[in-house]
Amino acid sequence: QVQLVESGGGSVQAGGSLRLSCTASGYTEYSSYCMAWFRQAPGMEREGLAGITRDGITFYADSVKGRFTISKDNAKNTLDLQLNSLKPDDTAMYYCARARSRWYGSSLSSSDYNAWGQGTQVTVSS
């Protein structure tokens, strides 16, 4: 059974940084799946932030480009998201996700992912 566990969330002041981590287990060929980070604030739709393809190509939403950096360690089955220059609008629950299949594409649409972690809360105060 696929399991994704996020960690690293917390409370920071605007301008601060956090590093989120996601550890995957329960399936093989970790390197063969596109992985991504999403977030969801109360009353808002889930928003795709950053992803990394099975070829290691990174892609970002415009809202976080230049501030967030995604990375993947296939040897450790981990997916990280470095969050810099945080703003109060970044306050949300952050989730990592695994793509539905071993495709080579890139997507920040939640419908293309079918395995999700439980989330880690990020709160940014002004």
PDB file of N, CA and C in Angstrom:
ATOM      1  N   GLN A   1       0.843  -1.194   0.000  1.00  0.00           N
ATOM      2  CA  GLN A   1       0.000   0.000   0.000  1.00  0.00           C
ATOM      3  C   GLN A   1       0.879   1.244   0.000  1.00  0.00           C
ATOM      4  N   VAL A   2       0.592   2.150  -0.893  1.00  0.00           N
ATOM      5  CA  VAL A   2       1.385   3.366  -1.009  1.00  0.00           C
ATOM      6  C   VAL A   2       1.155   4.231   0.224  1.00  0.00           C
ATOM      7  N   GLN A   3       2.249   4.716   0.792  1.00  0.00           N
ATOM      8  CA  GLN A   3       2.155   5.620   1.927  1.00  0.00           C
ATOM      9  C   GLN A   3       3.107   6.791   1.714  1.00  0.00           C
ATOM     10  N   LEU A   4       2.576   7.996   1.898  1.00  0.00           N
ATOM     11  CA  LEU A   4       3.373   9.221   1.807  1.00  0.00           C
ATOM     12  C   LEU A   4       3.225   9.962   3.125  1.00  0.00           C
ATOM     13  N   VAL A   5       4.350  10.316   3.726  1.00  0.00           N
ATOM     14  CA  VAL A   5       4.309  10.977   5.030  1.00  0.00           C
ATOM     15  C   VAL A   5       5.103  12.266   4.957  1.00  0.00           C
ATOM     16  N   GLU A   6       4.401  13.387   5.185  1.00  0.00           N
ATOM     17  CA  GLU A   6       5.043  14.693   5.152  1.00  0.00           C
ATOM     18  C   GLU A   6       5.507  15.108   6.540  1.00  0.00           C
ATOM     19  N   SER A   7       6.508  15.957   6.555  1.00  0.00           N
ATOM     20  CA  SER A   7       7.004  16.528   7.808  1.00  0.00           C
ATOM     21  C   SER A   7       7.654  17.869   7.500  1.00  0.00           C
ATOM     22  N   GLY A   8       7.933  18.632   8.545  1.00  0.00           N
ATOM     23  CA  GLY A   8       8.677  19.872   8.383  1.00  0.00           C
ATOM     24  C   GLY A   8       7.869  21.143   8.442  1.00  0.00           C
ATOM     25  N   GLY A   9       6.554  21.017   8.532  1.00  0.00           N
ATOM     26  CA  GLY A   9       5.746  22.215   8.618  1.00  0.00           C
ATOM     27  C   GLY A   9       5.948  22.937   9.943  1.00  0.00           C
ATOM     28  N   GLY A  10       5.370  24.137  10.036  1.00  0.00           N
ATOM     29  CA  GLY A  10       5.487  24.901  11.268  1.00  0.00           C
ATOM     30  C   GLY A  10       5.017  26.320  11.079  1.00  0.00           C
ATOM     31  N   SER A  11       5.335  27.146  12.069  1.00  0.00           N
ATOM     32  CA  SER A  11       4.945  28.550  12.047  1.00  0.00           C
ATOM     33  C   SER A  11       6.185  29.416  11.901  1.00  0.00           C
ATOM     34  N   VAL A  12       6.137  30.340  10.945  1.00  0.00           N
ATOM     35  CA  VAL A  12       7.258  31.252  10.715  1.00  0.00           C
ATOM     36  C   VAL A  12       6.717  32.637  10.444  1.00  0.00           C
ATOM     37  N   GLN A  13       7.592  33.610  10.543  1.00  0.00           N
ATOM     38  CA  GLN A  13       7.226  34.976  10.192  1.00  0.00           C
ATOM     39  C   GLN A  13       7.456  35.191   8.705  1.00  0.00           C
ATOM     40  N   ALA A  14       6.778  36.178   8.180  1.00  0.00           N
ATOM     41  CA  ALA A  14       6.938  36.517   6.769  1.00  0.00           C
ATOM     42  C   ALA A  14       8.409  36.774   6.462  1.00  0.00           C
ATOM     43  N   GLY A  15       8.825  36.252   5.314  1.00  0.00           N
ATOM     44  CA  GLY A  15      10.222  36.353   4.932  1.00  0.00           C
ATOM     45  C   GLY A  15      11.064  35.167   5.348  1.00  0.00           C
ATOM     46  N   GLY A  16      10.514  34.325   6.209  1.00  0.00           N
ATOM     47  CA  GLY A  16      11.241  33.171   6.704  1.00  0.00           C
ATOM     48  C   GLY A  16      11.234  32.006   5.728  1.00  0.00           C
ATOM     49  N   SER A  17      11.827  30.912   6.189  1.00  0.00           N
ATOM     50  CA  SER A  17      11.972  29.717   5.349  1.00  0.00           C
ATOM     51  C   SER A  17      11.576  28.462   6.114  1.00  0.00           C
ATOM     52  N   LEU A  18      11.162  27.460   5.377  1.00  0.00           N
ATOM     53  CA  LEU A  18      10.897  26.132   5.911  1.00  0.00           C
ATOM     54  C   LEU A  18      11.319  25.111   4.871  1.00  0.00           C
ATOM     55  N   ARG A  19      11.603  23.905   5.341  1.00  0.00           N
ATOM     56  CA  ARG A  19      11.881  22.812   4.413  1.00  0.00           C
ATOM     57  C   ARG A  19      10.951  21.663   4.748  1.00  0.00           C
ATOM     58  N   LEU A  20      10.120  21.316   3.788  1.00  0.00           N
ATOM     59  CA  LEU A  20       9.200  20.199   3.939  1.00  0.00           C
ATOM     60  C   LEU A  20       9.807  18.945   3.332  1.00  0.00           C
ATOM     61  N   SER A  21       9.483  17.818   3.926  1.00  0.00           N
ATOM     62  CA  SER A  21       9.966  16.547   3.419  1.00  0.00           C
ATOM     63  C   SER A  21       8.820  15.549   3.346  1.00  0.00           C
ATOM     64  N   CYS A  22       8.902  14.676   2.378  1.00  0.00           N
ATOM     65  CA  CYS A  22       7.903  13.623   2.193  1.00  0.00           C
ATOM     66  C   CYS A  22       8.642  12.306   1.979  1.00  0.00           C
ATOM     67  N   THR A  23       8.298  11.311   2.774  1.00  0.00           N
ATOM     68  CA  THR A  23       8.912   9.988   2.634  1.00  0.00           C
ATOM     69  C   THR A  23       7.888   9.014   2.094  1.00  0.00           C
ATOM     70  N   ALA A  24       8.265   8.322   1.036  1.00  0.00           N
ATOM     71  CA  ALA A  24       7.366   7.380   0.379  1.00  0.00           C
ATOM     72  C   ALA A  24       7.723   5.943   0.734  1.00  0.00           C
ATOM     73  N   SER A  25       6.697   5.114   0.820  1.00  0.00           N
ATOM     74  CA  SER A  25       6.908   3.694   1.059  1.00  0.00           C
ATOM     75  C   SER A  25       5.741   2.910   0.492  1.00  0.00           C
ATOM     76  N   GLY A  26       5.906   1.592   0.437  1.00  0.00           N
ATOM     77  CA  GLY A  26       4.812   0.730   0.024  1.00  0.00           C
ATOM     78  C   GLY A  26       4.742   0.447  -1.465  1.00  0.00           C
ATOM     79  N   TYR A  27       5.711   0.919  -2.210  1.00  0.00           N
ATOM     80  CA  TYR A  27       5.740   0.605  -3.633  1.00  0.00           C
ATOM     81  C   TYR A  27       7.181   0.637  -4.125  1.00  0.00           C
ATOM     82  N   THR A  28       7.380   0.001  -5.255  1.00  0.00           N
ATOM     83  CA  THR A  28       8.724  -0.070  -5.835  1.00  0.00           C
ATOM     84  C   THR A  28       8.860   0.948  -6.963  1.00  0.00           C
ATOM     85  N   GLU A  29      10.057   1.017  -7.514  1.00  0.00           N
ATOM     86  CA  GLU A  29      10.353   1.913  -8.644  1.00  0.00           C
ATOM     87  C   GLU A  29       9.951   3.346  -8.314  1.00  0.00           C
ATOM     88  N   TYR A  30      10.359   3.808  -7.156  1.00  0.00           N
ATOM     89  CA  TYR A  30      10.054   5.181  -6.745  1.00  0.00           C
ATOM     90  C   TYR A  30      10.464   6.187  -7.803  1.00  0.00           C
ATOM     91  N   SER A  31      11.606   5.950  -8.448  1.00  0.00           N
ATOM     92  CA  SER A  31      12.130   6.906  -9.431  1.00  0.00           C
ATOM     93  C   SER A  31      11.285   6.992 -10.689  1.00  0.00           C
ATOM     94  N   SER A  32      10.364   6.068 -10.859  1.00  0.00           N
ATOM     95  CA  SER A  32       9.580   6.012 -12.094  1.00  0.00           C
ATOM     96  C   SER A  32       8.288   6.811 -12.046  1.00  0.00           C
ATOM     97  N   TYR A  33       8.088   7.527 -10.977  1.00  0.00           N
ATOM     98  CA  TYR A  33       6.853   8.294 -10.835  1.00  0.00           C
ATOM     99  C   TYR A  33       7.131   9.786 -10.722  1.00  0.00           C
ATOM    100  N   CYS A  34       6.301  10.560 -11.401  1.00  0.00           N
ATOM    101  CA  CYS A  34       6.278  11.999 -11.195  1.00  0.00           C
ATOM    102  C   CYS A  34       5.707  12.267  -9.798  1.00  0.00           C
ATOM    103  N   MET A  35       6.346  13.173  -9.083  1.00  0.00           N
ATOM    104  CA  MET A  35       5.896  13.537  -7.743  1.00  0.00           C
ATOM    105  C   MET A  35       5.678  15.045  -7.682  1.00  0.00           C
ATOM    106  N   ALA A  36       4.822  15.471  -6.777  1.00  0.00           N
ATOM    107  CA  ALA A  36       4.521  16.898  -6.711  1.00  0.00           C
ATOM    108  C   ALA A  36       4.094  17.309  -5.297  1.00  0.00           C
ATOM    109  N   TRP A  37       4.145  18.610  -5.090  1.00  0.00           N
ATOM    110  CA  TRP A  37       3.641  19.215  -3.860  1.00  0.00           C
ATOM    111  C   TRP A  37       2.427  20.076  -4.191  1.00  0.00           C
ATOM    112  N   PHE A  38       1.422  19.980  -3.330  1.00  0.00           N
ATOM    113  CA  PHE A  38       0.220  20.777  -3.436  1.00  0.00           C
ATOM    114  C   PHE A  38      -0.023  21.459  -2.092  1.00  0.00           C
ATOM    115  N   ARG A  39      -0.916  22.412  -2.083  1.00  0.00           N
ATOM    116  CA  ARG A  39      -1.351  23.009  -0.820  1.00  0.00           C
ATOM    117  C   ARG A  39      -2.832  23.349  -0.910  1.00  0.00           C
ATOM    118  N   GLN A  40      -3.429  23.450   0.270  1.00  0.00           N
ATOM    119  CA  GLN A  40      -4.841  23.811   0.327  1.00  0.00           C
ATOM    120  C   GLN A  40      -5.086  24.650   1.572  1.00  0.00           C
ATOM    121  N   ALA A  41      -5.595  25.840   1.336  1.00  0.00           N
ATOM    122  CA  ALA A  41      -5.982  26.724   2.436  1.00  0.00           C
ATOM    123  C   ALA A  41      -7.472  26.535   2.701  1.00  0.00           C
ATOM    124  N   PRO A  42      -7.940  26.855   3.899  1.00  0.00           N
ATOM    125  CA  PRO A  42      -9.361  26.698   4.224  1.00  0.00           C
ATOM    126  C   PRO A  42     -10.246  27.440   3.232  1.00  0.00           C
ATOM    127  N   GLY A  43     -11.246  26.741   2.709  1.00  0.00           N
ATOM    128  CA  GLY A  43     -12.184  27.341   1.776  1.00  0.00           C
ATOM    129  C   GLY A  43     -11.664  27.511   0.365  1.00  0.00           C
ATOM    130  N   MET A  44     -10.452  27.016   0.122  1.00  0.00           N
ATOM    131  CA  MET A  44      -9.848  27.180  -1.203  1.00  0.00           C
ATOM    132  C   MET A  44      -9.657  25.814  -1.852  1.00  0.00           C
ATOM    133  N   GLU A  45      -9.510  25.807  -3.170  1.00  0.00           N
ATOM    134  CA  GLU A  45      -9.215  24.576  -3.883  1.00  0.00           C
ATOM    135  C   GLU A  45      -7.755  24.191  -3.685  1.00  0.00           C
ATOM    136  N   ARG A  46      -7.503  22.909  -3.874  1.00  0.00           N
ATOM    137  CA  ARG A  46      -6.123  22.438  -3.778  1.00  0.00           C
ATOM    138  C   ARG A  46      -5.323  22.999  -4.951  1.00  0.00           C
ATOM    139  N   GLU A  47      -4.146  23.506  -4.638  1.00  0.00           N
ATOM    140  CA  GLU A  47      -3.317  24.188  -5.633  1.00  0.00           C
ATOM    141  C   GLU A  47      -2.004  23.444  -5.837  1.00  0.00           C
ATOM    142  N   GLY A  48      -1.688  23.153  -7.076  1.00  0.00           N
ATOM    143  CA  GLY A  48      -0.402  22.525  -7.389  1.00  0.00           C
ATOM    144  C   GLY A  48       0.707  23.557  -7.340  1.00  0.00           C
ATOM    145  N   LEU A  49       1.817  23.192  -6.685  1.00  0.00           N
ATOM    146  CA  LEU A  49       2.906  24.140  -6.484  1.00  0.00           C
ATOM    147  C   LEU A  49       4.147  23.798  -7.297  1.00  0.00           C
ATOM    148  N   ALA A  50       4.587  22.585  -7.180  1.00  0.00           N
ATOM    149  CA  ALA A  50       5.854  22.188  -7.803  1.00  0.00           C
ATOM    150  C   ALA A  50       5.851  20.683  -8.015  1.00  0.00           C
ATOM    151  N   GLY A  51       6.530  20.266  -9.055  1.00  0.00           N
ATOM    152  CA  GLY A  51       6.638  18.845  -9.328  1.00  0.00           C
ATOM    153  C   GLY A  51       7.979  18.500  -9.917  1.00  0.00           C
ATOM    154  N   ILE A  52       8.235  17.195  -9.979  1.00  0.00           N
ATOM    155  CA  ILE A  52       9.470  16.716 -10.586  1.00  0.00           C
ATOM    156  C   ILE A  52       9.147  15.442 -11.356  1.00  0.00           C
ATOM    157  N   THR A  53       9.528  15.430 -12.621  1.00  0.00           N
ATOM    158  CA  THR A  53       9.171  14.302 -13.475  1.00  0.00           C
ATOM    159  C   THR A  53      10.057  13.097 -13.177  1.00  0.00           C
ATOM    160  N   ARG A  54       9.712  11.981 -13.779  1.00  0.00           N
ATOM    161  CA  ARG A  54      10.533  10.780 -13.586  1.00  0.00           C
ATOM    162  C   ARG A  54      11.913  10.959 -14.186  1.00  0.00           C
ATOM    163  N   ASP A  55      12.078  11.938 -15.066  1.00  0.00           N
ATOM    164  CA  ASP A  55      13.396  12.246 -15.631  1.00  0.00           C
ATOM    165  C   ASP A  55      14.138  13.297 -14.817  1.00  0.00           C
ATOM    166  N   GLY A  56      13.528  13.747 -13.725  1.00  0.00           N
ATOM    167  CA  GLY A  56      14.188  14.718 -12.863  1.00  0.00           C
ATOM    168  C   GLY A  56      14.000  16.170 -13.270  1.00  0.00           C
ATOM    169  N   ILE A  57      13.072  16.420 -14.168  1.00  0.00           N
ATOM    170  CA  ILE A  57      12.803  17.788 -14.604  1.00  0.00           C
ATOM    171  C   ILE A  57      11.822  18.431 -13.627  1.00  0.00           C
ATOM    172  N   THR A  58      12.176  19.602 -13.137  1.00  0.00           N
ATOM    173  CA  THR A  58      11.314  20.291 -12.177  1.00  0.00           C
ATOM    174  C   THR A  58      10.401  21.283 -12.886  1.00  0.00           C
ATOM    175  N   PHE A  59       9.245  21.519 -12.305  1.00  0.00           N
ATOM    176  CA  PHE A  59       8.299  22.485 -12.858  1.00  0.00           C
ATOM    177  C   PHE A  59       7.544  23.118 -11.697  1.00  0.00           C
ATOM    178  N   TYR A  60       7.132  24.381 -11.886  1.00  0.00           N
ATOM    179  CA  TYR A  60       6.572  25.161 -10.792  1.00  0.00           C
ATOM    180  C   TYR A  60       5.363  25.972 -11.235  1.00  0.00           C
ATOM    181  N   ALA A  61       4.482  26.231 -10.288  1.00  0.00           N
ATOM    182  CA  ALA A  61       3.421  27.201 -10.499  1.00  0.00           C
ATOM    183  C   ALA A  61       4.027  28.598 -10.447  1.00  0.00           C
ATOM    184  N   ASP A  62       3.436  29.508 -11.182  1.00  0.00           N
ATOM    185  CA  ASP A  62       3.955  30.876 -11.214  1.00  0.00           C
ATOM    186  C   ASP A  62       3.967  31.509  -9.828  1.00  0.00           C
ATOM    187  N   SER A  63       3.022  31.116  -8.985  1.00  0.00           N
ATOM    188  CA  SER A  63       2.891  31.741  -7.671  1.00  0.00           C
ATOM    189  C   SER A  63       4.075  31.446  -6.756  1.00  0.00           C
ATOM    190  N   VAL A  64       4.839  30.400  -7.057  1.00  0.00           N
ATOM    191  CA  VAL A  64       5.949  30.038  -6.174  1.00  0.00           C
ATOM    192  C   VAL A  64       7.284  29.997  -6.886  1.00  0.00           C
ATOM    193  N   LYS A  65       7.285  30.195  -8.180  1.00  0.00           N
ATOM    194  CA  LYS A  65       8.532  30.127  -8.950  1.00  0.00           C
ATOM    195  C   LYS A  65       9.534  31.152  -8.416  1.00  0.00           C
ATOM    196  N   GLY A  66      10.739  30.707  -8.174  1.00  0.00           N
ATOM    197  CA  GLY A  66      11.776  31.575  -7.640  1.00  0.00           C
ATOM    198  C   GLY A  66      11.833  31.605  -6.128  1.00  0.00           C
ATOM    199  N   ARG A  67      10.793  31.115  -5.467  1.00  0.00           N
ATOM    200  CA  ARG A  67      10.768  31.097  -3.991  1.00  0.00           C
ATOM    201  C   ARG A  67      10.840  29.670  -3.444  1.00  0.00           C
ATOM    202  N   PHE A  68      10.211  28.736  -4.140  1.00  0.00           N
ATOM    203  CA  PHE A  68      10.170  27.337  -3.693  1.00  0.00           C
ATOM    204  C   PHE A  68      11.048  26.492  -4.607  1.00  0.00           C
ATOM    205  N   THR A  69      11.680  25.483  -4.019  1.00  0.00           N
ATOM    206  CA  THR A  69      12.519  24.574  -4.793  1.00  0.00           C
ATOM    207  C   THR A  69      12.203  23.138  -4.413  1.00  0.00           C
ATOM    208  N   ILE A  70      11.887  22.331  -5.417  1.00  0.00           N
ATOM    209  CA  ILE A  70      11.575  20.927  -5.190  1.00  0.00           C
ATOM    210  C   ILE A  70      12.796  20.074  -5.510  1.00  0.00           C
ATOM    211  N   SER A  71      12.964  19.012  -4.728  1.00  0.00           N
ATOM    212  CA  SER A  71      14.062  18.089  -4.993  1.00  0.00           C
ATOM    213  C   SER A  71      13.635  16.680  -4.586  1.00  0.00           C
ATOM    214  N   LYS A  72      14.310  15.705  -5.151  1.00  0.00           N
ATOM    215  CA  LYS A  72      13.924  14.307  -4.957  1.00  0.00           C
ATOM    216  C   LYS A  72      15.182  13.472  -4.762  1.00  0.00           C
ATOM    217  N   ASP A  73      15.134  12.572  -3.816  1.00  0.00           N
ATOM    218  CA  ASP A  73      16.247  11.651  -3.592  1.00  0.00           C
ATOM    219  C   ASP A  73      15.728  10.239  -3.819  1.00  0.00           C
ATOM    220  N   ASN A  74      16.040   9.684  -4.975  1.00  0.00           N
ATOM    221  CA  ASN A  74      15.512   8.364  -5.317  1.00  0.00           C
ATOM    222  C   ASN A  74      16.096   7.255  -4.443  1.00  0.00           C
ATOM    223  N   ALA A  75      17.280   7.472  -3.907  1.00  0.00           N
ATOM    224  CA  ALA A  75      17.893   6.460  -3.047  1.00  0.00           C
ATOM    225  C   ALA A  75      17.193   6.382  -1.690  1.00  0.00           C
ATOM    226  N   LYS A  76      16.666   7.515  -1.238  1.00  0.00           N
ATOM    227  CA  LYS A  76      16.008   7.569   0.071  1.00  0.00           C
ATOM    228  C   LYS A  76      14.489   7.595  -0.030  1.00  0.00           C
ATOM    229  N   ASN A  77      13.965   7.607  -1.241  1.00  0.00           N
ATOM    230  CA  ASN A  77      12.512   7.700  -1.464  1.00  0.00           C
ATOM    231  C   ASN A  77      11.924   8.941  -0.798  1.00  0.00           C
ATOM    232  N   THR A  78      12.607  10.043  -0.939  1.00  0.00           N
ATOM    233  CA  THR A  78      12.123  11.274  -0.326  1.00  0.00           C
ATOM    234  C   THR A  78      11.918  12.369  -1.369  1.00  0.00           C
ATOM    235  N   LEU A  79      11.019  13.259  -1.037  1.00  0.00           N
ATOM    236  CA  LEU A  79      10.693  14.415  -1.868  1.00  0.00           C
ATOM    237  C   LEU A  79      10.680  15.624  -0.950  1.00  0.00           C
ATOM    238  N   ASP A  80      11.475  16.629  -1.259  1.00  0.00           N
ATOM    239  CA  ASP A  80      11.565  17.815  -0.413  1.00  0.00           C
ATOM    240  C   ASP A  80      11.032  19.046  -1.125  1.00  0.00           C
ATOM    241  N   LEU A  81      10.634  20.025  -0.332  1.00  0.00           N
ATOM    242  CA  LEU A  81      10.238  21.323  -0.865  1.00  0.00           C
ATOM    243  C   LEU A  81      10.817  22.395   0.041  1.00  0.00           C
ATOM    244  N   GLN A  82      11.745  23.162  -0.504  1.00  0.00           N
ATOM    245  CA  GLN A  82      12.324  24.274   0.219  1.00  0.00           C
ATOM    246  C   GLN A  82      11.474  25.508  -0.036  1.00  0.00           C
ATOM    247  N   LEU A  83      10.996  26.118   1.050  1.00  0.00           N
ATOM    248  CA  LEU A  83      10.139  27.284   0.953  1.00  0.00           C
ATOM    249  C   LEU A  83      10.906  28.496   1.478  1.00  0.00           C
ATOM    250  N   ASN A  84      11.157  29.454   0.612  1.00  0.00           N
ATOM    251  CA  ASN A  84      11.853  30.676   0.999  1.00  0.00           C
ATOM    252  C   ASN A  84      10.962  31.894   0.786  1.00  0.00           C
ATOM    253  N   SER A  85      11.347  32.990   1.413  1.00  0.00           N
ATOM    254  CA  SER A  85      10.605  34.259   1.266  1.00  0.00           C
ATOM    255  C   SER A  85       9.114  34.051   1.477  1.00  0.00           C
ATOM    256  N   LEU A  86       8.775  33.390   2.549  1.00  0.00           N
ATOM    257  CA  LEU A  86       7.382  33.034   2.792  1.00  0.00           C
ATOM    258  C   LEU A  86       6.526  34.260   3.063  1.00  0.00           C
ATOM    259  N   LYS A  87       5.274  34.170   2.619  1.00  0.00           N
ATOM    260  CA  LYS A  87       4.305  35.243   2.763  1.00  0.00           C
ATOM    261  C   LYS A  87       3.108  34.704   3.538  1.00  0.00           C
ATOM    262  N   PRO A  88       2.331  35.589   4.165  1.00  0.00           N
ATOM    263  CA  PRO A  88       1.119  35.116   4.853  1.00  0.00           C
ATOM    264  C   PRO A  88       0.186  34.331   3.923  1.00  0.00           C
ATOM    265  N   ASP A  89       0.146  34.672   2.642  1.00  0.00           N
ATOM    266  CA  ASP A  89      -0.698  33.954   1.684  1.00  0.00           C
ATOM    267  C   ASP A  89      -0.233  32.517   1.453  1.00  0.00           C
ATOM    268  N   ASP A  90       0.970  32.170   1.904  1.00  0.00           N
ATOM    269  CA  ASP A  90       1.449  30.794   1.772  1.00  0.00           C
ATOM    270  C   ASP A  90       0.901  29.886   2.875  1.00  0.00           C
ATOM    271  N   THR A  91       0.177  30.451   3.813  1.00  0.00           N
ATOM    272  CA  THR A  91      -0.404  29.657   4.894  1.00  0.00           C
ATOM    273  C   THR A  91      -1.406  28.653   4.334  1.00  0.00           C
ATOM    274  N   ALA A  92      -1.169  27.382   4.620  1.00  0.00           N
ATOM    275  CA  ALA A  92      -2.012  26.311   4.085  1.00  0.00           C
ATOM    276  C   ALA A  92      -1.521  24.972   4.621  1.00  0.00           C
ATOM    277  N   MET A  93      -2.294  23.930   4.315  1.00  0.00           N
ATOM    278  CA  MET A  93      -1.834  22.566   4.526  1.00  0.00           C
ATOM    279  C   MET A  93      -1.116  22.148   3.258  1.00  0.00           C
ATOM    280  N   TYR A  94       0.062  21.578   3.402  1.00  0.00           N
ATOM    281  CA  TYR A  94       0.880  21.189   2.265  1.00  0.00           C
ATOM    282  C   TYR A  94       0.902  19.662   2.154  1.00  0.00           C
ATOM    283  N   TYR A  95       0.713  19.187   0.915  1.00  0.00           N
ATOM    284  CA  TYR A  95       0.636  17.752   0.665  1.00  0.00           C
ATOM    285  C   TYR A  95       1.631  17.340  -0.423  1.00  0.00           C
ATOM    286  N   CYS A  96       2.215  16.163  -0.263  1.00  0.00           N
ATOM    287  CA  CYS A  96       2.943  15.589  -1.384  1.00  0.00           C
ATOM    288  C   CYS A  96       2.053  14.541  -2.047  1.00  0.00           C
ATOM    289  N   ALA A  97       2.321  14.280  -3.306  1.00  0.00           N
ATOM    290  CA  ALA A  97       1.470  13.373  -4.067  1.00  0.00           C
ATOM    291  C   ALA A  97       2.286  12.630  -5.115  1.00  0.00           C
ATOM    292  N   ARG A  98       1.798  11.422  -5.447  1.00  0.00           N
ATOM    293  CA  ARG A  98       2.420  10.600  -6.477  1.00  0.00           C
ATOM    294  C   ARG A  98       1.479  10.463  -7.663  1.00  0.00           C
ATOM    295  N   ALA A  99       2.042  10.518  -8.853  1.00  0.00           N
ATOM    296  CA  ALA A  99       1.236  10.409 -10.064  1.00  0.00           C
ATOM    297  C   ALA A  99       0.533   9.058 -10.161  1.00  0.00           C
ATOM    298  N   ARG A 100      -0.542   9.051 -10.946  1.00  0.00           N
ATOM    299  CA  ARG A 100      -1.349   7.828 -11.107  1.00  0.00           C
ATOM    300  C   ARG A 100      -0.578   6.712 -11.778  1.00  0.00           C
ATOM    301  N   SER A 101       0.283   7.080 -12.712  1.00  0.00           N
ATOM    302  CA  SER A 101       0.993   6.052 -13.470  1.00  0.00           C
ATOM    303  C   SER A 101       2.404   6.526 -13.759  1.00  0.00           C
ATOM    304  N   ARG A 102       3.181   5.664 -14.365  1.00  0.00           N
ATOM    305  CA  ARG A 102       4.587   5.968 -14.626  1.00  0.00           C
ATOM    306  C   ARG A 102       4.757   6.743 -15.932  1.00  0.00           C
ATOM    307  N   TRP A 103       3.951   7.797 -16.103  1.00  0.00           N
ATOM    308  CA  TRP A 103       4.085   8.557 -17.346  1.00  0.00           C
ATOM    309  C   TRP A 103       5.241   9.537 -17.242  1.00  0.00           C
ATOM    310  N   TYR A 104       5.635  10.048 -18.386  1.00  0.00           N
ATOM    311  CA  TYR A 104       6.798  10.924 -18.468  1.00  0.00           C
ATOM    312  C   TYR A 104       6.438  12.402 -18.423  1.00  0.00           C
ATOM    313  N   GLY A 105       5.170  12.691 -18.275  1.00  0.00           N
ATOM    314  CA  GLY A 105       4.744  14.067 -18.332  1.00  0.00           C
ATOM    315  C   GLY A 105       4.925  14.818 -17.039  1.00  0.00           C
ATOM    316  N   SER A 106       4.469  16.063 -17.061  1.00  0.00           N
ATOM    317  CA  SER A 106       4.462  16.928 -15.895  1.00  0.00           C
ATOM    318  C   SER A 106       3.078  17.525 -15.747  1.00  0.00           C
ATOM    319  N   SER A 107       2.609  17.612 -14.531  1.00  0.00           N
ATOM    320  CA  SER A 107       1.276  18.138 -14.305  1.00  0.00           C
ATOM    321  C   SER A 107       1.166  18.674 -12.888  1.00  0.00           C
ATOM    322  N   LEU A 108       0.421  19.752 -12.742  1.00  0.00           N
ATOM    323  CA  LEU A 108       0.087  20.262 -11.422  1.00  0.00           C
ATOM    324  C   LEU A 108      -1.422  20.198 -11.205  1.00  0.00           C
ATOM    325  N   SER A 109      -2.058  19.296 -11.932  1.00  0.00           N
ATOM    326  CA  SER A 109      -3.477  19.055 -11.736  1.00  0.00           C
ATOM    327  C   SER A 109      -3.656  17.913 -10.742  1.00  0.00           C
ATOM    328  N   SER A 110      -4.432  18.124  -9.716  1.00  0.00           N
ATOM    329  CA  SER A 110      -4.584  17.109  -8.673  1.00  0.00           C
ATOM    330  C   SER A 110      -5.209  15.827  -9.208  1.00  0.00           C
ATOM    331  N   SER A 111      -5.949  15.920 -10.300  1.00  0.00           N
ATOM    332  CA  SER A 111      -6.596  14.727 -10.849  1.00  0.00           C
ATOM    333  C   SER A 111      -5.592  13.743 -11.460  1.00  0.00           C
ATOM    334  N   ASP A 112      -4.372  14.191 -11.685  1.00  0.00           N
ATOM    335  CA  ASP A 112      -3.336  13.308 -12.239  1.00  0.00           C
ATOM    336  C   ASP A 112      -2.572  12.569 -11.140  1.00  0.00           C
ATOM    337  N   TYR A 113      -2.959  12.736  -9.909  1.00  0.00           N
ATOM    338  CA  TYR A 113      -2.288  12.115  -8.767  1.00  0.00           C
ATOM    339  C   TYR A 113      -3.305  11.325  -7.963  1.00  0.00           C
ATOM    340  N   ASN A 114      -2.900  10.151  -7.517  1.00  0.00           N
ATOM    341  CA  ASN A 114      -3.865   9.325  -6.786  1.00  0.00           C
ATOM    342  C   ASN A 114      -3.332   8.802  -5.460  1.00  0.00           C
ATOM    343  N   ALA A 115      -2.166   9.255  -5.055  1.00  0.00           N
ATOM    344  CA  ALA A 115      -1.647   8.892  -3.736  1.00  0.00           C
ATOM    345  C   ALA A 115      -1.232  10.183  -3.045  1.00  0.00           C
ATOM    346  N   TRP A 116      -1.720  10.358  -1.827  1.00  0.00           N
ATOM    347  CA  TRP A 116      -1.531  11.612  -1.116  1.00  0.00           C
ATOM    348  C   TRP A 116      -1.082  11.341   0.317  1.00  0.00           C
ATOM    349  N   GLY A 117      -0.286  12.268   0.839  1.00  0.00           N
ATOM    350  CA  GLY A 117       0.047  12.201   2.244  1.00  0.00           C
ATOM    351  C   GLY A 117      -1.052  12.846   3.080  1.00  0.00           C
ATOM    352  N   GLN A 118      -0.840  12.861   4.382  1.00  0.00           N
ATOM    353  CA  GLN A 118      -1.846  13.420   5.291  1.00  0.00           C
ATOM    354  C   GLN A 118      -1.705  14.930   5.432  1.00  0.00           C
ATOM    355  N   GLY A 119      -0.597  15.476   4.965  1.00  0.00           N
ATOM    356  CA  GLY A 119      -0.394  16.912   4.986  1.00  0.00           C
ATOM    357  C   GLY A 119       0.417  17.400   6.164  1.00  0.00           C
ATOM    358  N   THR A 120       1.035  18.551   5.981  1.00  0.00           N
ATOM    359  CA  THR A 120       1.770  19.226   7.058  1.00  0.00           C
ATOM    360  C   THR A 120       1.428  20.713   6.978  1.00  0.00           C
ATOM    361  N   GLN A 121       1.116  21.292   8.123  1.00  0.00           N
ATOM    362  CA  GLN A 121       0.618  22.670   8.167  1.00  0.00           C
ATOM    363  C   GLN A 121       1.769  23.671   8.135  1.00  0.00           C
ATOM    364  N   VAL A 122       1.608  24.678   7.286  1.00  0.00           N
ATOM    365  CA  VAL A 122       2.529  25.815   7.239  1.00  0.00           C
ATOM    366  C   VAL A 122       1.728  27.075   7.554  1.00  0.00           C
ATOM    367  N   THR A 123       2.190  27.813   8.554  1.00  0.00           N
ATOM    368  CA  THR A 123       1.530  29.052   8.954  1.00  0.00           C
ATOM    369  C   THR A 123       2.550  30.187   8.928  1.00  0.00           C
ATOM    370  N   VAL A 124       2.222  31.229   8.167  1.00  0.00           N
ATOM    371  CA  VAL A 124       3.127  32.369   8.022  1.00  0.00           C
ATOM    372  C   VAL A 124       2.447  33.612   8.592  1.00  0.00           C
ATOM    373  N   SER A 125       3.063  34.226   9.551  1.00  0.00           N
ATOM    374  CA  SER A 125       2.493  35.416  10.180  1.00  0.00           C
ATOM    375  C   SER A 125       3.188  36.672   9.659  1.00  0.00           C
ATOM    376  N   SER A 126       2.425  37.743   9.666  1.00  0.00           N
ATOM    377  CA  SER A 126       2.964  39.007   9.136  1.00  0.00           C
ATOM    378  C   SER A 126       3.668  39.802  10.217  1.00  0.00           C
TER     379      SER A 126
END
